[in-house]
Amino acid sequence: MFRLWAKTFKDNHMLRDTTICNDSDDTRTHKIFSALEEVCYEFDLSKPIWLDSTVAEFKRHSKARFYQDNFVDSIDFDFLEIHVIEE
């Protein structure tokens, strides 16, 4: 069971969160991209861009934060955080 927890924050307060579960036989990378796509659909966001710093942070901690620099559209929160909580 693969689970990814996504949260949006503004002024150090969590605004929304969701957990995406995936039981497929896809690779870990496909599961992450698929879950992020579901999160963006649920939160009505454009898909964020994975910058080098975001990729490095995710590799280190299985957690990444997407700031305004990662989005093409403007966002009404400070950052979106994703965290793999179960693999």
PDB file of N, CA and C in Angstrom:
ATOM      1  N   MET A   1       0.846  -1.185   0.000  1.00  0.00           N
ATOM      2  CA  MET A   1       0.000   0.000   0.000  1.00  0.00           C
ATOM      3  C   MET A   1       0.884   1.238   0.000  1.00  0.00           C
ATOM      4  N   PHE A   2       0.678   2.090  -0.969  1.00  0.00           N
ATOM      5  CA  PHE A   2       1.402   3.354  -1.091  1.00  0.00           C
ATOM      6  C   PHE A   2       0.447   4.469  -0.680  1.00  0.00           C
ATOM      7  N   ARG A   3       0.879   5.333   0.246  1.00  0.00           N
ATOM      8  CA  ARG A   3       0.048   6.463   0.656  1.00  0.00           C
ATOM      9  C   ARG A   3       0.871   7.746   0.638  1.00  0.00           C
ATOM     10  N   LEU A   4       0.286   8.785   0.081  1.00  0.00           N
ATOM     11  CA  LEU A   4       0.924  10.094   0.007  1.00  0.00           C
ATOM     12  C   LEU A   4      -0.007  11.097   0.676  1.00  0.00           C
ATOM     13  N   TRP A   5       0.551  11.897   1.575  1.00  0.00           N
ATOM     14  CA  TRP A   5      -0.216  12.903   2.302  1.00  0.00           C
ATOM     15  C   TRP A   5       0.144  14.267   1.718  1.00  0.00           C
ATOM     16  N   ALA A   6      -0.857  15.019   1.308  1.00  0.00           N
ATOM     17  CA  ALA A   6      -0.637  16.350   0.735  1.00  0.00           C
ATOM     18  C   ALA A   6      -1.336  17.393   1.596  1.00  0.00           C
ATOM     19  N   LYS A   7      -0.652  18.526   1.818  1.00  0.00           N
ATOM     20  CA  LYS A   7      -1.192  19.583   2.671  1.00  0.00           C
ATOM     21  C   LYS A   7      -0.854  20.942   2.073  1.00  0.00           C
ATOM     22  N   THR A   8      -1.765  21.896   2.222  1.00  0.00           N
ATOM     23  CA  THR A   8      -1.453  23.274   1.856  1.00  0.00           C
ATOM     24  C   THR A   8      -1.379  24.097   3.141  1.00  0.00           C
ATOM     25  N   PHE A   9      -0.425  25.036   3.166  1.00  0.00           N
ATOM     26  CA  PHE A   9      -0.195  25.869   4.342  1.00  0.00           C
ATOM     27  C   PHE A   9      -0.202  27.347   3.972  1.00  0.00           C
ATOM     28  N   LYS A  10      -0.716  28.155   4.885  1.00  0.00           N
ATOM     29  CA  LYS A  10      -0.617  29.609   4.771  1.00  0.00           C
ATOM     30  C   LYS A  10      -0.400  30.155   6.175  1.00  0.00           C
ATOM     31  N   ASP A  11       0.624  30.964   6.339  1.00  0.00           N
ATOM     32  CA  ASP A  11       0.981  31.549   7.643  1.00  0.00           C
ATOM     33  C   ASP A  11       1.114  30.477   8.726  1.00  0.00           C
ATOM     34  N   ASN A  12       1.779  29.385   8.400  1.00  0.00           N
ATOM     35  CA  ASN A  12       2.033  28.258   9.310  1.00  0.00           C
ATOM     36  C   ASN A  12       0.769  27.562   9.807  1.00  0.00           C
ATOM     37  N   HIS A  13      -0.322  27.695   9.077  1.00  0.00           N
ATOM     38  CA  HIS A  13      -1.561  26.987   9.401  1.00  0.00           C
ATOM     39  C   HIS A  13      -1.932  26.093   8.223  1.00  0.00           C
ATOM     40  N   MET A  14      -2.280  24.860   8.532  1.00  0.00           N
ATOM     41  CA  MET A  14      -2.696  23.946   7.474  1.00  0.00           C
ATOM     42  C   MET A  14      -4.107  24.327   7.021  1.00  0.00           C
ATOM     43  N   LEU A  15      -4.264  24.535   5.707  1.00  0.00           N
ATOM     44  CA  LEU A  15      -5.568  24.899   5.155  1.00  0.00           C
ATOM     45  C   LEU A  15      -6.363  23.671   4.735  1.00  0.00           C
ATOM     46  N   ARG A  16      -5.718  22.789   4.015  1.00  0.00           N
ATOM     47  CA  ARG A  16      -6.372  21.566   3.510  1.00  0.00           C
ATOM     48  C   ARG A  16      -5.369  20.429   3.546  1.00  0.00           C
ATOM     49  N   ASP A  17      -5.915  19.228   3.587  1.00  0.00           N
ATOM     50  CA  ASP A  17      -5.050  18.068   3.446  1.00  0.00           C
ATOM     51  C   ASP A  17      -5.861  16.923   2.851  1.00  0.00           C
ATOM     52  N   THR A  18      -5.143  15.986   2.274  1.00  0.00           N
ATOM     53  CA  THR A  18      -5.757  14.794   1.709  1.00  0.00           C
ATOM     54  C   THR A  18      -4.718  13.692   1.685  1.00  0.00           C
ATOM     55  N   THR A  19      -5.195  12.472   1.683  1.00  0.00           N
ATOM     56  CA  THR A  19      -4.308  11.315   1.572  1.00  0.00           C
ATOM     57  C   THR A  19      -4.715  10.530   0.338  1.00  0.00           C
ATOM     58  N   ILE A  20      -3.736  10.209  -0.491  1.00  0.00           N
ATOM     59  CA  ILE A  20      -3.961   9.445  -1.712  1.00  0.00           C
ATOM     60  C   ILE A  20      -3.372   8.051  -1.517  1.00  0.00           C
ATOM     61  N   CYS A  21      -4.192   7.031  -1.750  1.00  0.00           N
ATOM     62  CA  CYS A  21      -3.750   5.640  -1.633  1.00  0.00           C
ATOM     63  C   CYS A  21      -3.646   5.023  -3.020  1.00  0.00           C
ATOM     64  N   ASN A  22      -2.643   4.167  -3.204  1.00  0.00           N
ATOM     65  CA  ASN A  22      -2.436   3.537  -4.504  1.00  0.00           C
ATOM     66  C   ASN A  22      -1.961   2.096  -4.269  1.00  0.00           C
ATOM     67  N   ASP A  23      -2.735   1.138  -4.760  1.00  0.00           N
ATOM     68  CA  ASP A  23      -2.375  -0.276  -4.617  1.00  0.00           C
ATOM     69  C   ASP A  23      -1.866  -0.898  -5.915  1.00  0.00           C
ATOM     70  N   SER A  24      -1.623  -0.084  -6.924  1.00  0.00           N
ATOM     71  CA  SER A  24      -1.223  -0.623  -8.228  1.00  0.00           C
ATOM     72  C   SER A  24       0.198  -1.178  -8.184  1.00  0.00           C
ATOM     73  N   ASP A  25       0.585  -1.834  -9.265  1.00  0.00           N
ATOM     74  CA  ASP A  25       1.928  -2.406  -9.380  1.00  0.00           C
ATOM     75  C   ASP A  25       2.893  -1.461 -10.100  1.00  0.00           C
ATOM     76  N   ASP A  26       2.535  -0.187 -10.206  1.00  0.00           N
ATOM     77  CA  ASP A  26       3.402   0.802 -10.842  1.00  0.00           C
ATOM     78  C   ASP A  26       4.692   0.984 -10.046  1.00  0.00           C
ATOM     79  N   THR A  27       5.648   1.653 -10.665  1.00  0.00           N
ATOM     80  CA  THR A  27       6.887   1.993  -9.966  1.00  0.00           C
ATOM     81  C   THR A  27       6.595   3.101  -8.966  1.00  0.00           C
ATOM     82  N   ARG A  28       7.515   3.313  -8.045  1.00  0.00           N
ATOM     83  CA  ARG A  28       7.341   4.361  -7.023  1.00  0.00           C
ATOM     84  C   ARG A  28       7.183   5.726  -7.679  1.00  0.00           C
ATOM     85  N   THR A  29       7.972   5.991  -8.693  1.00  0.00           N
ATOM     86  CA  THR A  29       7.906   7.282  -9.384  1.00  0.00           C
ATOM     87  C   THR A  29       6.535   7.503 -10.015  1.00  0.00           C
ATOM     88  N   HIS A  30       6.010   6.477 -10.683  1.00  0.00           N
ATOM     89  CA  HIS A  30       4.689   6.605 -11.289  1.00  0.00           C
ATOM     90  C   HIS A  30       3.615   6.825 -10.228  1.00  0.00           C
ATOM     91  N   LYS A  31       3.747   6.160  -9.100  1.00  0.00           N
ATOM     92  CA  LYS A  31       2.781   6.331  -8.018  1.00  0.00           C
ATOM     93  C   LYS A  31       2.812   7.750  -7.472  1.00  0.00           C
ATOM     94  N   ILE A  32       4.005   8.320  -7.334  1.00  0.00           N
ATOM     95  CA  ILE A  32       4.151   9.688  -6.826  1.00  0.00           C
ATOM     96  C   ILE A  32       3.529  10.683  -7.802  1.00  0.00           C
ATOM     97  N   PHE A  33       3.851  10.563  -9.082  1.00  0.00           N
ATOM     98  CA  PHE A  33       3.299  11.488 -10.070  1.00  0.00           C
ATOM     99  C   PHE A  33       1.788  11.349 -10.186  1.00  0.00           C
ATOM    100  N   SER A  34       1.295  10.131 -10.120  1.00  0.00           N
ATOM    101  CA  SER A  34      -0.139   9.886 -10.188  1.00  0.00           C
ATOM    102  C   SER A  34      -0.847  10.494  -8.970  1.00  0.00           C
ATOM    103  N   ALA A  35      -0.273  10.286  -7.792  1.00  0.00           N
ATOM    104  CA  ALA A  35      -0.856  10.844  -6.570  1.00  0.00           C
ATOM    105  C   ALA A  35      -0.836  12.371  -6.601  1.00  0.00           C
ATOM    106  N   LEU A  36       0.264  12.954  -7.074  1.00  0.00           N
ATOM    107  CA  LEU A  36       0.344  14.408  -7.160  1.00  0.00           C
ATOM    108  C   LEU A  36      -0.691  14.954  -8.134  1.00  0.00           C
ATOM    109  N   GLU A  37      -0.924  14.243  -9.217  1.00  0.00           N
ATOM    110  CA  GLU A  37      -1.950  14.647 -10.174  1.00  0.00           C
ATOM    111  C   GLU A  37      -3.342  14.622  -9.527  1.00  0.00           C
ATOM    112  N   GLU A  38      -3.621  13.588  -8.731  1.00  0.00           N
ATOM    113  CA  GLU A  38      -4.901  13.500  -8.020  1.00  0.00           C
ATOM    114  C   GLU A  38      -5.054  14.636  -7.015  1.00  0.00           C
ATOM    115  N   VAL A  39      -3.974  14.959  -6.316  1.00  0.00           N
ATOM    116  CA  VAL A  39      -3.991  16.062  -5.346  1.00  0.00           C
ATOM    117  C   VAL A  39      -4.310  17.374  -6.049  1.00  0.00           C
ATOM    118  N   CYS A  40      -3.643  17.623  -7.153  1.00  0.00           N
ATOM    119  CA  CYS A  40      -3.862  18.867  -7.899  1.00  0.00           C
ATOM    120  C   CYS A  40      -5.296  18.956  -8.412  1.00  0.00           C
ATOM    121  N   TYR A  41      -5.850  17.831  -8.830  1.00  0.00           N
ATOM    122  CA  TYR A  41      -7.242  17.823  -9.282  1.00  0.00           C
ATOM    123  C   TYR A  41      -8.184  18.128  -8.114  1.00  0.00           C
ATOM    124  N   GLU A  42      -7.932  17.491  -6.976  1.00  0.00           N
ATOM    125  CA  GLU A  42      -8.786  17.689  -5.799  1.00  0.00           C
ATOM    126  C   GLU A  42      -8.697  19.112  -5.259  1.00  0.00           C
ATOM    127  N   PHE A  43      -7.495  19.691  -5.255  1.00  0.00           N
ATOM    128  CA  PHE A  43      -7.295  21.044  -4.742  1.00  0.00           C
ATOM    129  C   PHE A  43      -7.492  22.117  -5.820  1.00  0.00           C
ATOM    130  N   ASP A  44      -7.806  21.708  -7.050  1.00  0.00           N
ATOM    131  CA  ASP A  44      -8.002  22.612  -8.187  1.00  0.00           C
ATOM    132  C   ASP A  44      -6.756  23.469  -8.433  1.00  0.00           C
ATOM    133  N   LEU A  45      -5.615  22.796  -8.600  1.00  0.00           N
ATOM    134  CA  LEU A  45      -4.328  23.457  -8.838  1.00  0.00           C
ATOM    135  C   LEU A  45      -3.748  23.002 -10.167  1.00  0.00           C
ATOM    136  N   SER A  46      -2.879  23.840 -10.726  1.00  0.00           N
ATOM    137  CA  SER A  46      -2.092  23.380 -11.860  1.00  0.00           C
ATOM    138  C   SER A  46      -0.982  22.487 -11.310  1.00  0.00           C
ATOM    139  N   LYS A  47      -0.448  21.605 -12.153  1.00  0.00           N
ATOM    140  CA  LYS A  47       0.609  20.705 -11.676  1.00  0.00           C
ATOM    141  C   LYS A  47       1.885  21.505 -11.435  1.00  0.00           C
ATOM    142  N   PRO A  48       2.534  21.293 -10.297  1.00  0.00           N
ATOM    143  CA  PRO A  48       3.769  22.030 -10.004  1.00  0.00           C
ATOM    144  C   PRO A  48       4.956  21.488 -10.807  1.00  0.00           C
ATOM    145  N   ILE A  49       5.941  22.329 -10.948  1.00  0.00           N
ATOM    146  CA  ILE A  49       7.178  21.975 -11.644  1.00  0.00           C
ATOM    147  C   ILE A  49       8.176  21.470 -10.606  1.00  0.00           C
ATOM    148  N   TRP A  50       8.829  20.347 -10.907  1.00  0.00           N
ATOM    149  CA  TRP A  50       9.824  19.786  -9.998  1.00  0.00           C
ATOM    150  C   TRP A  50      11.165  20.478 -10.263  1.00  0.00           C
ATOM    151  N   LEU A  51      11.538  21.435  -9.424  1.00  0.00           N
ATOM    152  CA  LEU A  51      12.839  22.082  -9.527  1.00  0.00           C
ATOM    153  C   LEU A  51      13.898  21.158  -8.932  1.00  0.00           C
ATOM    154  N   ASP A  52      15.162  21.419  -9.250  1.00  0.00           N
ATOM    155  CA  ASP A  52      16.253  20.576  -8.750  1.00  0.00           C
ATOM    156  C   ASP A  52      16.260  20.510  -7.224  1.00  0.00           C
ATOM    157  N   SER A  53      15.990  21.642  -6.574  1.00  0.00           N
ATOM    158  CA  SER A  53      15.978  21.657  -5.106  1.00  0.00           C
ATOM    159  C   SER A  53      14.825  20.818  -4.559  1.00  0.00           C
ATOM    160  N   THR A  54      13.696  20.812  -5.252  1.00  0.00           N
ATOM    161  CA  THR A  54      12.544  20.008  -4.834  1.00  0.00           C
ATOM    162  C   THR A  54      12.861  18.527  -4.954  1.00  0.00           C
ATOM    163  N   VAL A  55      13.476  18.143  -6.053  1.00  0.00           N
ATOM    164  CA  VAL A  55      13.849  16.738  -6.270  1.00  0.00           C
ATOM    165  C   VAL A  55      14.848  16.287  -5.206  1.00  0.00           C
ATOM    166  N   ALA A  56      15.843  17.116  -4.922  1.00  0.00           N
ATOM    167  CA  ALA A  56      16.855  16.764  -3.918  1.00  0.00           C
ATOM    168  C   ALA A  56      16.222  16.598  -2.540  1.00  0.00           C
ATOM    169  N   GLU A  57      15.316  17.497  -2.176  1.00  0.00           N
ATOM    170  CA  GLU A  57      14.631  17.406  -0.885  1.00  0.00           C
ATOM    171  C   GLU A  57      13.791  16.132  -0.809  1.00  0.00           C
ATOM    172  N   PHE A  58      13.104  15.804  -1.909  1.00  0.00           N
ATOM    173  CA  PHE A  58      12.254  14.623  -1.924  1.00  0.00           C
ATOM    174  C   PHE A  58      13.075  13.341  -1.822  1.00  0.00           C
ATOM    175  N   LYS A  59      14.213  13.308  -2.490  1.00  0.00           N
ATOM    176  CA  LYS A  59      15.085  12.130  -2.419  1.00  0.00           C
ATOM    177  C   LYS A  59      15.606  11.921  -0.992  1.00  0.00           C
ATOM    178  N   ARG A  60      15.906  13.019  -0.310  1.00  0.00           N
ATOM    179  CA  ARG A  60      16.468  12.943   1.028  1.00  0.00           C
ATOM    180  C   ARG A  60      15.444  12.539   2.090  1.00  0.00           C
ATOM    181  N   HIS A  61      14.228  13.108   2.002  1.00  0.00           N
ATOM    182  CA  HIS A  61      13.276  12.974   3.104  1.00  0.00           C
ATOM    183  C   HIS A  61      11.936  12.345   2.732  1.00  0.00           C
ATOM    184  N   SER A  62      11.734  11.978   1.469  1.00  0.00           N
ATOM    185  CA  SER A  62      10.425  11.517   0.970  1.00  0.00           C
ATOM    186  C   SER A  62       9.351  12.558   1.249  1.00  0.00           C
ATOM    187  N   LYS A  63       9.777  13.820   1.240  1.00  0.00           N
ATOM    188  CA  LYS A  63       8.885  14.949   1.490  1.00  0.00           C
ATOM    189  C   LYS A  63       9.353  16.105   0.616  1.00  0.00           C
ATOM    190  N   ALA A  64       8.408  16.856   0.067  1.00  0.00           N
ATOM    191  CA  ALA A  64       8.781  17.996  -0.770  1.00  0.00           C
ATOM    192  C   ALA A  64       7.774  19.116  -0.570  1.00  0.00           C
ATOM    193  N   ARG A  65       8.255  20.340  -0.707  1.00  0.00           N
ATOM    194  CA  ARG A  65       7.398  21.520  -0.636  1.00  0.00           C
ATOM    195  C   ARG A  65       7.444  22.239  -1.967  1.00  0.00           C
ATOM    196  N   PHE A  66       6.272  22.577  -2.462  1.00  0.00           N
ATOM    197  CA  PHE A  66       6.140  23.308  -3.714  1.00  0.00           C
ATOM    198  C   PHE A  66       5.684  24.725  -3.395  1.00  0.00           C
ATOM    199  N   TYR A  67       6.544  25.711  -3.684  1.00  0.00           N
ATOM    200  CA  TYR A  67       6.254  27.118  -3.421  1.00  0.00           C
ATOM    201  C   TYR A  67       5.735  27.783  -4.697  1.00  0.00           C
ATOM    202  N   GLN A  68       5.507  29.081  -4.637  1.00  0.00           N
ATOM    203  CA  GLN A  68       5.009  29.820  -5.793  1.00  0.00           C
ATOM    204  C   GLN A  68       5.915  29.629  -7.010  1.00  0.00           C
ATOM    205  N   ASP A  69       7.210  29.505  -6.797  1.00  0.00           N
ATOM    206  CA  ASP A  69       8.162  29.316  -7.903  1.00  0.00           C
ATOM    207  C   ASP A  69       7.906  28.021  -8.675  1.00  0.00           C
ATOM    208  N   ASN A  70       7.275  27.043  -8.041  1.00  0.00           N
ATOM    209  CA  ASN A  70       7.010  25.762  -8.677  1.00  0.00           C
ATOM    210  C   ASN A  70       5.731  25.764  -9.519  1.00  0.00           C
ATOM    211  N   PHE A  71       4.907  26.784  -9.367  1.00  0.00           N
ATOM    212  CA  PHE A  71       3.627  26.844 -10.072  1.00  0.00           C
ATOM    213  C   PHE A  71       3.649  27.922 -11.145  1.00  0.00           C
ATOM    214  N   VAL A  72       2.986  27.638 -12.268  1.00  0.00           N
ATOM    215  CA  VAL A  72       2.856  28.629 -13.330  1.00  0.00           C
ATOM    216  C   VAL A  72       1.796  29.661 -12.939  1.00  0.00           C
ATOM    217  N   ASP A  73       0.671  29.168 -12.397  1.00  0.00           N
ATOM    218  CA  ASP A  73      -0.402  30.053 -11.936  1.00  0.00           C
ATOM    219  C   ASP A  73      -0.084  30.558 -10.535  1.00  0.00           C
ATOM    220  N   SER A  74      -0.761  31.640 -10.148  1.00  0.00           N
ATOM    221  CA  SER A  74      -0.574  32.125  -8.778  1.00  0.00           C
ATOM    222  C   SER A  74      -1.362  31.227  -7.821  1.00  0.00           C
ATOM    223  N   ILE A  75      -0.856  31.096  -6.612  1.00  0.00           N
ATOM    224  CA  ILE A  75      -1.496  30.250  -5.609  1.00  0.00           C
ATOM    225  C   ILE A  75      -1.919  31.125  -4.431  1.00  0.00           C
ATOM    226  N   ASP A  76      -2.949  30.697  -3.714  1.00  0.00           N
ATOM    227  CA  ASP A  76      -3.459  31.486  -2.587  1.00  0.00           C
ATOM    228  C   ASP A  76      -3.027  30.908  -1.237  1.00  0.00           C
ATOM    229  N   PHE A  77      -1.903  30.210  -1.228  1.00  0.00           N
ATOM    230  CA  PHE A  77      -1.328  29.642  -0.010  1.00  0.00           C
ATOM    231  C   PHE A  77       0.184  29.780  -0.121  1.00  0.00           C
ATOM    232  N   ASP A  78       0.892  29.492   0.963  1.00  0.00           N
ATOM    233  CA  ASP A  78       2.347  29.653   0.963  1.00  0.00           C
ATOM    234  C   ASP A  78       3.067  28.488   0.276  1.00  0.00           C
ATOM    235  N   PHE A  79       2.637  27.259   0.558  1.00  0.00           N
ATOM    236  CA  PHE A  79       3.264  26.106  -0.091  1.00  0.00           C
ATOM    237  C   PHE A  79       2.369  24.886   0.000  1.00  0.00           C
ATOM    238  N   LEU A  80       2.616  23.967  -0.929  1.00  0.00           N
ATOM    239  CA  LEU A  80       1.990  22.641  -0.938  1.00  0.00           C
ATOM    240  C   LEU A  80       3.063  21.655  -0.528  1.00  0.00           C
ATOM    241  N   GLU A  81       2.773  20.843   0.471  1.00  0.00           N
ATOM    242  CA  GLU A  81       3.739  19.850   0.942  1.00  0.00           C
ATOM    243  C   GLU A  81       3.193  18.465   0.657  1.00  0.00           C
ATOM    244  N   ILE A  82       4.039  17.612   0.073  1.00  0.00           N
ATOM    245  CA  ILE A  82       3.669  16.211  -0.103  1.00  0.00           C
ATOM    246  C   ILE A  82       4.639  15.357   0.692  1.00  0.00           C
ATOM    247  N   HIS A  83       4.130  14.242   1.228  1.00  0.00           N
ATOM    248  CA  HIS A  83       4.942  13.392   2.083  1.00  0.00           C
ATOM    249  C   HIS A  83       4.489  11.946   1.882  1.00  0.00           C
ATOM    250  N   VAL A  84       5.424  11.074   1.520  1.00  0.00           N
ATOM    251  CA  VAL A  84       5.116   9.659   1.395  1.00  0.00           C
ATOM    252  C   VAL A  84       5.083   9.096   2.812  1.00  0.00           C
ATOM    253  N   ILE A  85       3.896   8.603   3.228  1.00  0.00           N
ATOM    254  CA  ILE A  85       3.769   8.136   4.603  1.00  0.00           C
ATOM    255  C   ILE A  85       3.760   6.614   4.709  1.00  0.00           C
ATOM    256  N   GLU A  86       3.609   5.923   3.585  1.00  0.00           N
ATOM    257  CA  GLU A  86       3.632   4.465   3.613  1.00  0.00           C
ATOM    258  C   GLU A  86       3.992   3.932   2.241  1.00  0.00           C
ATOM    259  N   GLU A  87       4.851   2.929   2.224  1.00  0.00           N
ATOM    260  CA  GLU A  87       5.205   2.284   0.953  1.00  0.00           C
ATOM    261  C   GLU A  87       5.070   0.796   1.083  1.00  0.00           C
TER     262      GLU A  87
END
